[in-house]
Amino acid sequence: MLYWALVFFVVALIAGALGFGGIASASSGIAQILFFLFLILFAASLIMGLVRRR
C-alpha cells in the first residue's frame, strides 16, 4: 500500500510539473489517503502484536 501511495505521489509531482493541475490534485489526494490508511494499519498491527505477546 505504501508503494501505491508513492506511485500516486510521483504521478502528482510529474503532472504538477507539466501543468496538469486537476490530475496532480487528484493523484495527491489519493496518495494522502493511501498513506494515512497505511499508517493506521501499521499502528494497528503493532498494537495487536504487542497485545498478543503479553
Protein backbone atom coordinates (compact mmCIF):
# COMPACT_ATOMS: atom_id res chain seq x y z
CA MET A 1 0.00 0.00 0.00
CA LEU A 2 2.88 2.32 0.73
CA TYR A 3 4.17 1.51 -2.77
CA TRP A 4 0.92 2.75 -4.33
CA ALA A 5 0.98 5.91 -2.23
CA LEU A 6 4.48 6.64 -3.54
CA VAL A 7 3.38 5.90 -7.12
CA PHE A 8 0.48 8.36 -6.88
CA PHE A 9 2.80 10.91 -5.27
CA VAL A 10 5.24 10.64 -8.18
CA VAL A 11 2.36 10.92 -10.67
CA ALA A 12 1.18 14.05 -8.85
CA LEU A 13 4.67 15.57 -9.00
CA ILE A 14 5.05 14.86 -12.70
CA ALA A 15 1.54 16.11 -13.52
CA GLY A 16 2.12 19.25 -11.46
CA ALA A 17 5.41 19.94 -13.24
CA LEU A 18 3.72 19.58 -16.62
CA GLY A 19 0.85 21.87 -15.67
CA PHE A 20 -1.98 19.35 -15.30
CA GLY A 21 -3.46 20.75 -12.09
CA GLY A 22 -6.55 18.54 -11.93
CA ILE A 23 -4.62 15.31 -12.35
CA ALA A 24 -1.97 16.44 -9.88
CA SER A 25 -4.61 17.33 -7.30
CA ALA A 26 -6.42 14.01 -7.68
CA SER A 27 -3.22 11.99 -7.51
CA SER A 28 -2.07 13.91 -4.46
CA GLY A 29 -5.36 13.26 -2.71
CA ILE A 30 -5.21 9.54 -3.46
CA ALA A 31 -1.61 9.37 -2.26
CA GLN A 32 -2.55 11.07 1.02
CA ILE A 33 -5.47 8.71 1.64
CA LEU A 34 -3.36 5.63 0.92
CA PHE A 35 -0.50 6.87 3.11
CA PHE A 36 -2.74 7.55 6.11
CA LEU A 37 -4.50 4.23 5.62
CA PHE A 38 -1.09 2.55 5.62
CA LEU A 39 -0.15 4.35 8.85
CA ILE A 40 -3.38 3.30 10.56
CA LEU A 41 -2.98 -0.34 9.53
CA PHE A 42 0.68 -0.31 10.58
CA ALA A 43 -0.14 1.11 14.01
CA ALA A 44 -2.97 -1.42 14.45
CA SER A 45 -0.68 -4.31 13.57
CA LEU A 46 1.94 -3.07 16.04
CA ILE A 47 -0.62 -2.78 18.82
CA MET A 48 -2.06 -6.22 18.05
CA GLY A 49 1.44 -7.70 18.08
CA LEU A 50 2.17 -6.18 21.48
CA VAL A 51 -1.14 -7.34 22.92
CA ARG A 52 -0.64 -10.93 21.72
CA ARG A 53 2.83 -11.22 23.26
CA ARG A 54 1.55 -10.48 26.77
